[in-house]
Amino acid sequence: MPVLILSFFIFKIFLPIDSWQNEYLDEIQVRGHHLSRFPSVRPYDFKKDIKVADPLSRRIGLFNLSGNLEIDTIKVVRLKPCLFYKFSDFTFFMEPVLKFGKDSLPPNNFFMGLVASDYERAYVKFQNKNLLFFLGRERLSIGPSPVYNILVSGYSSPMDWLNLSLESNHLKFSFYLSRLEDLFTKPLEFVGDTITQYIKARRFLSIRRLDYSPADWLNFSFSEGTTFGGENFALNIYHFNPIILLHTYQYNWNQDVNLFFHLDGRLFFKNLSLYGALLVDDYQLEKDPNNEPNHLAVKLGGEIADFLNIRKSFVILEYTAITRWTYCHFIPYQRYKFRNTPIGAIYGNDYDNIFIKYIYHYNRKSDWYTTFSYLRKGESTIDAIWPIPEQPRVPGTKFPEDNFLSGCIQYSYLAGAGCRIFLQHHACVEFFLGYLYIRNFEHIDNNSKKSVSVKFQIDLLNIPGI
């Protein structure tokens, strides 16, 4: 008989993408325990059991309550309890968030000026061997990176999804649809426009993805992502057809959409995983008369276990580069963002980034890690005004030459170290100390910023075997 229970009484691996436990799931796979044939969509929902004999499995359990305190120039405390209900092939999950203190991340509507709350994750799911039907809120990440992805990073404001997935031994087809927020905006926006008309535009995001994994050690995928909508826009059956691309809708129905093609792949060797992703926002098959460049994003990375033969170590190394107008659009409501946060890469566009993380499993009850990030950010943003008129184009107008790292470049260096202590009573305590230095802060020459950040987190969870 199914009963409603707090999640620490159960053990199911369906972890939020921002959980530190995902590092251990990745490391388990890199070390040869292939838990998922399709490892480039998170949160993971493994069908195989993790071997309790594997020492890393002792780190993994579902949260009952997560709380963290972050201090740099401000102090913010977040608490995330969760409830879980499951019977047969159905799952109900709810994780609200309570925030004390103000920062730029949601939720931002405060009760009596003290606490803000919202649902971080809340969904209903049906899943059997071949079919998944999902309805609700989740931080989905689509792509091979364990850090953040360039198609859907999962670090935007929480999004609500309709998701249908069909899976066989080697193929998986996934369909995602999300209703974005309405915007009161101009129908077009470009440099020099004199438009005074405003519309209330309905906005949608649709993603279709095909994964192919001929073996446990190999996965590669193709995805099409689109943002679309308009004034009084209504979805029709065409939009719910999961096996067609909206590129044909745009081409044959003369309906403009912001279209992305995304290719990614991941390889597993002994103690090594390599991955890469390419996002094509617009590719010029021949020279454009208005000098429009290609709008691209690329991500390359790797994960190494026992780096340099140092046992119990794990390294993540990643490089990301995104050109100036990727995610942008001359139709404002088709820009690739949700509630003022990027849907794709977390830094938006016009940047590149190197990220390194080194983890050392000191003993059964503690881990130590260090991180380093180097970020070069140009002045362009997703909200950048389109540089030339469109619909129709005007002969003689040109895109600027600097398609990458435009204007005054901001340089950011972030280094830090932390530790995780696993307590006997099913809890993990994490402490992190970081230092941030920014040169040309806010894209002002010789303007610098220095900041020390402190993070303290405690998670109550169900960890078997400790």
Protein backbone atom coordinates (compact mmCIF):
# COMPACT_ATOMS: atom_id res chain seq x y z
CA MET A 1 0.00 0.00 0.00
CA PRO A 2 1.62 3.32 -1.03
CA VAL A 3 1.98 5.97 1.65
CA LEU A 4 3.21 9.57 1.68
CA ILE A 5 6.68 9.69 3.24
CA LEU A 6 9.56 12.07 3.71
CA SER A 7 12.23 11.38 1.15
CA PHE A 8 14.94 10.29 3.57
CA PHE A 9 12.99 7.09 4.17
CA ILE A 10 13.44 6.09 0.55
CA PHE A 11 16.39 5.60 -1.73
CA LYS A 12 15.95 6.61 -5.34
CA ILE A 13 18.53 8.25 -7.58
CA PHE A 14 16.82 11.24 -9.14
CA LEU A 15 19.11 14.01 -7.95
CA PRO A 16 18.94 17.75 -8.74
CA ILE A 17 21.53 18.80 -11.32
CA ASP A 18 23.20 21.28 -8.94
CA SER A 19 23.82 18.60 -6.32
CA TRP A 20 27.43 17.72 -5.48
CA GLN A 21 26.34 14.07 -5.65
CA ASN A 22 26.34 14.25 -9.45
CA GLU A 23 30.13 14.45 -9.32
CA TYR A 24 30.16 11.02 -7.70
CA LEU A 25 27.68 9.60 -10.20
CA ASP A 26 29.93 10.83 -13.02
CA GLU A 27 33.02 9.40 -11.35
CA ILE A 28 31.32 6.02 -10.87
CA GLN A 29 30.64 5.94 -14.62
CA VAL A 30 34.16 7.09 -15.54
CA ARG A 31 35.53 4.30 -13.35
CA GLY A 32 33.65 1.75 -15.43
CA HIS A 33 30.21 1.27 -13.86
CA HIS A 34 27.98 2.25 -16.80
CA LEU A 35 24.81 3.25 -14.99
CA SER A 36 23.08 4.99 -17.88
CA ARG A 37 23.27 4.35 -21.62
CA PHE A 38 22.12 7.95 -22.26
CA PRO A 39 24.28 10.07 -19.93
CA SER A 40 23.75 13.52 -21.49
CA VAL A 41 20.37 14.45 -20.00
CA ARG A 42 20.16 15.35 -16.31
CA PRO A 43 18.94 14.82 -13.68
CA TYR A 44 20.01 11.21 -14.01
CA ASP A 45 17.33 8.58 -13.57
CA PHE A 46 19.26 5.34 -13.55
CA LYS A 47 17.63 2.02 -14.21
CA LYS A 48 20.64 0.10 -12.88
CA ASP A 49 21.44 -0.18 -9.19
CA ILE A 50 24.66 1.31 -7.95
CA LYS A 51 26.82 -1.38 -6.41
CA VAL A 52 26.97 -0.71 -2.68
CA ALA A 53 30.46 -2.25 -2.73
CA ASP A 54 31.66 0.77 -4.71
CA PRO A 55 33.01 3.24 -2.10
CA LEU A 56 31.55 6.21 -3.98
CA SER A 57 28.04 4.80 -3.65
CA ARG A 58 28.29 5.60 0.05
CA ARG A 59 28.10 9.27 -0.87
CA ILE A 60 24.78 9.05 -2.71
CA GLY A 61 21.27 9.44 -1.35
CA LEU A 62 18.16 11.49 -1.94
CA PHE A 63 17.87 14.77 -0.04
CA ASN A 64 15.34 15.17 2.69
CA LEU A 65 16.45 18.69 3.57
CA SER A 66 19.16 20.83 2.05
CA GLY A 67 20.26 24.16 3.44
CA ASN A 68 23.07 26.50 2.47
CA LEU A 69 24.49 29.83 3.52
CA GLU A 70 26.41 31.93 1.00
CA ILE A 71 28.36 35.04 1.97
CA ASP A 72 30.28 37.45 -0.23
CA THR A 73 28.96 41.02 -0.27
CA ILE A 74 25.55 39.68 0.82
CA LYS A 75 24.24 36.87 2.97
CA VAL A 76 21.67 34.41 1.60
CA VAL A 77 20.25 31.28 3.21
CA ARG A 78 18.28 28.70 1.22
CA LEU A 79 16.33 25.75 2.62
CA LYS A 80 15.00 22.99 0.36
CA PRO A 81 12.84 20.27 1.94
CA CYS A 82 11.29 17.64 -0.32
CA LEU A 83 8.43 15.16 -0.33
CA PHE A 84 8.19 11.97 -2.35
CA TYR A 85 5.32 9.68 -3.28
CA LYS A 86 5.60 6.62 -5.49
CA PHE A 87 3.43 3.70 -6.54
CA SER A 88 3.74 1.33 -9.46
CA ASP A 89 5.26 3.32 -12.37
CA PHE A 90 4.09 6.71 -11.06
CA THR A 91 6.20 9.21 -9.16
CA PHE A 92 5.17 12.43 -7.42
CA PHE A 93 7.93 14.73 -6.21
CA MET A 94 7.89 18.20 -4.62
CA GLU A 95 10.79 20.37 -3.49
CA PRO A 96 9.96 23.93 -2.39
CA VAL A 97 12.64 26.52 -1.61
CA LEU A 98 12.69 29.09 1.18
CA LYS A 99 15.11 32.01 0.75
CA PHE A 100 16.26 34.38 3.48
CA GLY A 101 18.30 37.33 2.20
CA LYS A 102 18.30 38.93 -1.22
CA ASP A 103 20.37 38.15 -4.30
CA SER A 104 19.81 38.15 -8.06
CA LEU A 105 18.46 34.59 -8.18
CA PRO A 106 14.78 33.61 -7.76
CA PRO A 107 12.52 33.59 -5.83
CA ASN A 108 12.39 37.36 -5.34
CA ASN A 109 8.92 38.14 -3.91
CA PHE A 110 9.35 38.42 -0.13
CA PHE A 111 6.69 37.91 2.54
CA MET A 112 6.91 40.73 5.09
CA GLY A 113 10.37 41.45 3.72
CA LEU A 114 11.74 38.31 5.37
CA VAL A 115 11.32 35.17 3.27
CA ALA A 116 10.70 34.34 -0.38
CA SER A 117 9.39 30.95 -1.46
CA ASP A 118 8.57 29.01 -4.58
CA TYR A 119 8.68 25.48 -5.93
CA GLU A 120 12.20 24.56 -6.98
CA ARG A 121 11.06 21.19 -8.38
CA ALA A 122 7.57 19.69 -8.51
CA TYR A 123 6.40 17.05 -10.97
CA VAL A 124 4.34 14.00 -11.82
CA LYS A 125 6.07 11.25 -13.75
CA PHE A 126 5.11 7.94 -15.33
CA GLN A 127 7.97 5.70 -16.40
CA ASN A 128 8.37 2.10 -17.47
CA LYS A 129 11.06 0.32 -19.46
CA ASN A 130 10.41 2.14 -22.75
CA LEU A 131 8.24 5.18 -22.01
CA LEU A 132 8.58 8.31 -19.88
CA PHE A 133 5.84 10.90 -19.46
CA PHE A 134 6.75 13.90 -17.32
CA LEU A 135 4.72 16.99 -16.37
CA GLY A 136 5.95 19.63 -13.99
CA ARG A 137 8.86 21.73 -12.83
CA GLU A 138 12.41 20.47 -13.03
CA ARG A 139 15.91 21.84 -13.58
CA LEU A 140 16.69 19.94 -16.75
CA SER A 141 20.18 20.03 -18.23
CA ILE A 142 20.56 18.85 -21.83
CA GLY A 143 24.09 18.15 -23.03
CA PRO A 144 27.17 16.16 -21.99
CA SER A 145 28.81 18.58 -19.54
CA PRO A 146 28.84 17.88 -15.77
CA VAL A 147 29.34 21.63 -15.14
CA TYR A 148 26.76 23.43 -17.31
CA ASN A 149 25.48 22.94 -20.86
CA ILE A 150 24.99 25.27 -23.81
CA LEU A 151 21.56 24.07 -25.00
CA VAL A 152 19.79 23.91 -21.63
CA SER A 153 21.97 24.52 -18.58
CA GLY A 154 19.30 24.05 -15.91
CA TYR A 155 20.46 27.17 -14.06
CA SER A 156 17.78 29.54 -15.33
CA SER A 157 14.73 30.32 -13.24
CA PRO A 158 12.94 26.98 -12.61
CA MET A 159 11.03 25.96 -15.75
CA ASP A 160 7.86 23.91 -16.21
CA TRP A 161 8.03 21.12 -18.78
CA LEU A 162 5.99 18.63 -20.71
CA ASN A 163 8.39 15.81 -21.54
CA LEU A 164 7.82 12.61 -23.50
CA SER A 165 10.65 10.08 -24.04
CA LEU A 166 10.66 6.79 -25.95
CA GLU A 167 13.59 4.47 -25.41
CA SER A 168 14.96 1.24 -26.86
CA ASN A 169 18.25 -0.51 -26.22
CA HIS A 170 20.25 1.90 -28.36
CA LEU A 171 17.94 4.81 -29.24
CA LYS A 172 16.13 7.39 -27.18
CA PHE A 173 13.83 10.06 -28.55
CA SER A 174 12.84 12.97 -26.27
CA PHE A 175 10.34 15.78 -26.73
CA TYR A 176 10.23 18.82 -24.44
CA LEU A 177 7.81 21.74 -24.40
CA SER A 178 7.84 24.67 -21.98
CA ARG A 179 5.64 27.75 -21.67
CA LEU A 180 7.90 30.77 -21.11
CA GLU A 181 6.77 34.04 -19.57
CA ASP A 182 4.80 36.59 -21.60
CA LEU A 183 6.64 39.74 -22.68
CA PHE A 184 5.28 43.23 -23.32
CA THR A 185 7.71 44.29 -26.01
CA LYS A 186 8.32 45.59 -29.51
CA PRO A 187 7.60 43.17 -32.38
CA LEU A 188 11.10 43.95 -33.80
CA GLU A 189 14.18 45.58 -32.32
CA PHE A 190 17.30 46.64 -34.21
CA VAL A 191 19.79 49.47 -34.29
CA GLY A 192 18.11 52.62 -35.56
CA ASP A 193 14.53 51.34 -35.32
CA THR A 194 11.73 53.88 -34.82
CA ILE A 195 9.08 51.34 -33.85
CA THR A 196 6.60 52.61 -31.26
CA GLN A 197 4.22 49.63 -31.37
CA TYR A 198 4.22 47.22 -28.42
CA ILE A 199 2.61 43.80 -28.19
CA LYS A 200 2.03 41.24 -25.46
CA ALA A 201 3.78 38.17 -26.82
CA ARG A 202 3.22 34.60 -25.70
CA ARG A 203 6.45 32.60 -25.65
CA PHE A 204 7.28 28.89 -25.93
CA LEU A 205 10.35 26.69 -25.97
CA SER A 206 10.41 23.34 -27.78
CA ILE A 207 13.24 20.78 -27.91
CA ARG A 208 13.43 17.52 -29.85
CA ARG A 209 16.37 15.23 -29.17
CA LEU A 210 17.62 11.92 -30.54
CA ASP A 211 20.23 9.95 -28.56
CA TYR A 212 22.13 7.04 -30.07
CA SER A 213 24.29 4.78 -27.91
CA PRO A 214 25.55 1.71 -29.77
CA ALA A 215 27.56 0.70 -26.67
CA ASP A 216 27.82 1.67 -23.01
CA TRP A 217 31.02 3.61 -23.67
CA LEU A 218 29.65 5.76 -26.53
CA ASN A 219 26.80 8.25 -26.83
CA PHE A 220 26.13 10.92 -29.41
CA SER A 221 23.03 13.04 -29.96
CA PHE A 222 21.27 15.57 -32.13
CA SER A 223 18.85 18.17 -30.75
CA GLU A 224 16.74 20.92 -32.22
CA GLY A 225 15.74 23.76 -29.91
CA THR A 226 13.36 26.58 -30.79
CA THR A 227 11.87 29.62 -29.10
CA PHE A 228 8.75 30.94 -30.77
CA GLY A 229 5.45 32.68 -30.13
CA GLY A 230 3.82 36.03 -30.79
CA GLU A 231 0.80 38.17 -30.06
CA ASN A 232 -2.31 36.01 -29.45
CA PHE A 233 -0.20 33.00 -30.42
CA ALA A 234 -1.84 29.60 -29.93
CA LEU A 235 -0.20 26.19 -30.08
CA ASN A 236 -1.60 23.77 -32.62
CA ILE A 237 -1.24 20.03 -33.09
CA TYR A 238 1.83 20.55 -35.25
CA HIS A 239 3.74 21.85 -32.23
CA PHE A 240 2.91 18.71 -30.22
CA ASN A 241 4.10 16.31 -32.91
CA PRO A 242 7.22 14.87 -31.22
CA ILE A 243 8.91 13.40 -34.29
CA ILE A 244 9.13 16.38 -36.65
CA LEU A 245 11.49 19.36 -36.66
CA LEU A 246 10.16 22.90 -36.37
CA HIS A 247 12.66 23.97 -39.02
CA THR A 248 10.17 22.75 -41.63
CA TYR A 249 7.41 24.70 -39.85
CA GLN A 250 9.48 27.87 -40.18
CA TYR A 251 10.38 27.23 -43.80
CA ASN A 252 7.03 26.08 -45.18
CA TRP A 253 4.60 28.06 -43.03
CA ASN A 254 6.56 31.33 -43.15
CA GLN A 255 6.62 31.42 -39.35
CA ASP A 256 9.82 32.82 -37.90
CA VAL A 257 11.37 30.98 -34.92
CA ASN A 258 14.72 31.24 -33.14
CA LEU A 259 16.23 27.93 -34.14
CA PHE A 260 19.18 26.01 -32.64
CA PHE A 261 20.85 22.82 -33.77
CA HIS A 262 22.90 21.03 -31.13
CA LEU A 263 25.31 18.14 -31.63
CA ASP A 264 27.00 16.43 -28.70
CA GLY A 265 28.91 13.28 -27.90
CA ARG A 266 30.53 11.48 -25.02
CA LEU A 267 33.16 8.71 -24.88
CA PHE A 268 34.14 6.55 -21.92
CA PHE A 269 37.54 4.89 -21.66
CA LYS A 270 39.27 3.34 -18.66
CA ASN A 271 39.23 6.09 -15.99
CA LEU A 272 38.62 8.72 -18.69
CA SER A 273 35.62 10.40 -20.27
CA LEU A 274 35.80 12.89 -23.14
CA TYR A 275 32.86 14.98 -24.33
CA GLY A 276 32.02 17.82 -26.64
CA ALA A 277 29.08 19.86 -27.89
CA LEU A 278 28.43 22.26 -30.77
CA LEU A 279 25.46 24.63 -30.85
CA VAL A 280 24.59 26.28 -34.18
CA ASP A 281 22.32 29.29 -33.85
CA ASP A 282 22.74 30.33 -37.45
CA TYR A 283 25.28 29.08 -39.99
CA GLN A 284 25.99 30.99 -43.19
CA LEU A 285 26.29 28.50 -46.05
CA GLU A 286 27.71 31.26 -48.25
CA LYS A 287 29.05 34.77 -47.65
CA ASP A 288 26.29 36.99 -46.30
CA PRO A 289 25.78 40.34 -48.13
CA ASN A 290 25.35 42.08 -44.76
CA ASN A 291 28.45 40.39 -43.33
CA GLU A 292 26.46 38.33 -40.82
CA PRO A 293 28.84 35.89 -39.09
CA ASN A 294 28.15 32.38 -37.90
CA HIS A 295 26.55 32.25 -34.45
CA LEU A 296 28.11 29.30 -32.66
CA ALA A 297 28.85 27.85 -29.24
CA VAL A 298 31.29 25.07 -28.48
CA LYS A 299 32.13 23.08 -25.37
CA LEU A 300 34.97 20.59 -24.92
CA GLY A 301 35.80 18.72 -21.76
CA GLY A 302 37.06 15.65 -20.01
CA GLU A 303 36.89 13.80 -16.70
CA ILE A 304 39.84 11.79 -15.37
CA ALA A 305 39.91 9.35 -12.47
CA ASP A 306 43.20 8.68 -10.64
CA PHE A 307 44.83 11.65 -12.40
CA LEU A 308 48.63 11.23 -12.75
CA ASN A 309 48.22 7.87 -10.99
CA ILE A 310 47.06 9.60 -7.81
CA ARG A 311 44.55 7.11 -6.45
CA LYS A 312 41.18 8.37 -5.20
CA SER A 313 41.44 11.57 -7.26
CA PHE A 314 39.05 12.92 -9.89
CA VAL A 315 39.51 15.87 -12.27
CA ILE A 316 37.03 17.82 -14.40
CA LEU A 317 38.48 20.07 -17.13
CA GLU A 318 36.33 22.09 -19.53
CA TYR A 319 36.50 24.87 -22.12
CA THR A 320 33.50 26.84 -23.45
CA ALA A 321 33.36 29.55 -26.14
CA ILE A 322 30.28 31.40 -27.44
CA THR A 323 30.16 34.04 -30.15
CA ARG A 324 28.67 37.50 -29.86
CA TRP A 325 25.09 37.12 -31.14
CA THR A 326 24.41 33.50 -30.16
CA TYR A 327 21.04 33.26 -28.31
CA CYS A 328 20.13 36.78 -29.57
CA HIS A 329 17.37 37.66 -32.01
CA PHE A 330 15.89 40.69 -33.75
CA ILE A 331 12.47 39.60 -32.42
CA PRO A 332 12.77 40.33 -28.68
CA TYR A 333 10.42 37.60 -27.46
CA GLN A 334 12.45 34.94 -29.27
CA ARG A 335 15.64 35.64 -27.31
CA TYR A 336 16.89 32.57 -25.51
CA LYS A 337 16.16 33.56 -21.92
CA PHE A 338 13.53 33.01 -19.24
CA ARG A 339 12.66 35.52 -16.51
CA ASN A 340 15.87 37.47 -17.19
CA THR A 341 18.08 34.38 -16.85
CA PRO A 342 19.83 32.54 -19.73
CA ILE A 343 18.26 29.21 -20.74
CA GLY A 344 21.52 28.09 -22.36
CA ALA A 345 25.04 28.76 -21.09
CA ILE A 346 25.05 30.44 -17.69
CA TYR A 347 27.17 33.44 -18.79
CA GLY A 348 25.00 34.13 -21.83
CA ASN A 349 26.97 34.94 -24.99
CA ASP A 350 30.19 36.65 -26.13
CA TYR A 351 32.61 34.88 -23.78
CA ASP A 352 34.94 31.98 -23.24
CA ASN A 353 35.64 30.11 -20.03
CA ILE A 354 38.14 27.58 -18.66
CA PHE A 355 36.99 25.52 -15.68
CA ILE A 356 39.05 23.05 -13.62
CA LYS A 357 38.04 21.06 -10.56
CA TYR A 358 40.20 18.59 -8.61
CA ILE A 359 38.59 16.25 -6.07
CA TYR A 360 40.46 13.99 -3.65
CA HIS A 361 38.69 11.34 -1.58
CA TYR A 362 40.78 11.62 1.58
CA ASN A 363 39.01 8.84 3.46
CA ARG A 364 35.57 7.28 3.90
CA LYS A 365 34.20 10.33 5.67
CA SER A 366 35.78 13.33 3.95
CA ASP A 367 36.60 14.72 0.51
CA TRP A 368 38.70 17.76 -0.39
CA TYR A 369 38.51 19.74 -3.61
CA THR A 370 39.87 22.82 -5.38
CA THR A 371 38.38 24.78 -8.27
CA PHE A 372 39.63 27.36 -10.74
CA SER A 373 37.73 29.35 -13.37
CA TYR A 374 39.01 31.88 -15.92
CA LEU A 375 36.37 33.90 -17.77
CA ARG A 376 36.73 36.43 -20.61
CA LYS A 377 33.43 38.26 -21.23
CA GLY A 378 32.69 40.71 -24.02
CA GLU A 379 30.13 43.48 -23.71
CA SER A 380 27.35 41.81 -25.70
CA THR A 381 24.40 40.20 -23.90
CA ILE A 382 21.38 38.15 -24.96
CA ASP A 383 19.38 41.40 -24.90
CA ALA A 384 21.80 43.12 -27.31
CA ILE A 385 20.07 45.18 -29.97
CA TRP A 386 20.29 43.46 -33.37
CA PRO A 387 22.91 45.42 -35.39
CA ILE A 388 21.05 45.60 -38.71
CA PRO A 389 17.39 45.88 -39.83
CA GLU A 390 15.62 42.62 -40.66
CA GLN A 391 12.37 41.79 -42.48
CA PRO A 392 13.51 43.17 -44.88
CA ARG A 393 17.23 43.71 -44.72
CA VAL A 394 18.64 47.05 -45.86
CA PRO A 395 21.48 46.91 -48.41
CA GLY A 396 24.67 48.50 -47.10
CA THR A 397 24.05 47.78 -43.41
CA LYS A 398 26.74 45.56 -41.91
CA PHE A 399 27.38 43.44 -38.85
CA PRO A 400 30.37 44.66 -36.82
CA GLU A 401 33.67 42.85 -37.34
CA ASP A 402 34.19 41.82 -33.69
CA ASN A 403 32.04 38.68 -33.53
CA PHE A 404 33.80 37.40 -30.40
CA LEU A 405 34.80 39.24 -27.21
CA SER A 406 33.40 42.63 -28.18
CA GLY A 407 34.14 45.99 -26.61
CA CYS A 408 36.01 46.27 -23.31
CA ILE A 409 36.66 42.70 -22.19
CA GLN A 410 36.03 41.78 -18.56
CA TYR A 411 38.48 39.22 -17.12
CA SER A 412 37.42 37.16 -14.11
CA TYR A 413 39.56 34.79 -12.04
CA LEU A 414 37.89 32.58 -9.43
CA ALA A 415 39.83 30.14 -7.24
CA GLY A 416 38.67 28.27 -4.20
CA ALA A 417 38.93 25.18 -2.03
CA GLY A 418 36.42 23.21 -0.02
CA CYS A 419 35.78 20.05 1.92
CA ARG A 420 32.84 17.72 2.48
CA ILE A 421 32.39 15.84 5.74
CA PHE A 422 30.04 12.84 5.76
CA LEU A 423 28.51 12.42 9.18
CA GLN A 424 27.39 9.18 10.72
CA HIS A 425 23.76 10.26 11.00
CA HIS A 426 23.00 10.48 7.27
CA ALA A 427 24.19 14.02 6.67
CA CYS A 428 26.86 15.85 4.69
CA VAL A 429 28.44 19.16 5.70
CA GLU A 430 30.28 21.18 3.06
CA PHE A 431 32.47 24.26 3.48
CA PHE A 432 33.92 26.31 0.60
CA LEU A 433 36.15 29.38 0.58
CA GLY A 434 36.74 31.24 -2.68
CA TYR A 435 38.46 34.35 -3.98
CA LEU A 436 37.24 36.34 -7.00
CA TYR A 437 39.25 38.96 -8.88
CA ILE A 438 37.73 40.86 -11.81
CA ARG A 439 39.68 43.15 -14.14
CA ASN A 440 37.75 45.71 -16.23
CA PHE A 441 34.76 45.13 -13.96
CA GLU A 442 31.46 46.05 -15.65
CA HIS A 443 33.51 46.59 -18.85
CA ILE A 444 35.21 49.73 -17.55
CA ASP A 445 38.94 49.98 -18.28
CA ASN A 446 41.15 49.44 -15.23
CA ASN A 447 38.14 49.06 -12.93
CA SER A 448 38.75 46.08 -10.64
CA LYS A 449 36.79 44.11 -8.07
CA LYS A 450 37.99 41.70 -5.40
CA SER A 451 35.70 39.53 -3.33
CA VAL A 452 35.94 36.67 -0.85
CA SER A 453 33.04 34.22 -0.86
CA VAL A 454 32.11 31.67 1.79
CA LYS A 455 29.65 28.83 1.38
CA PHE A 456 28.37 26.53 4.08
CA GLN A 457 25.91 23.74 3.25
CA ILE A 458 24.33 20.90 5.17
CA ASP A 459 22.29 18.13 3.58
CA LEU A 460 20.20 15.54 5.39
CA LEU A 461 19.93 12.49 3.20
CA ASN A 462 19.57 8.77 3.06
CA ILE A 463 23.06 7.33 2.64
CA PRO A 464 23.12 3.53 2.87
CA GLY A 465 26.12 1.78 4.27
CA ILE A 466 27.81 4.59 6.25
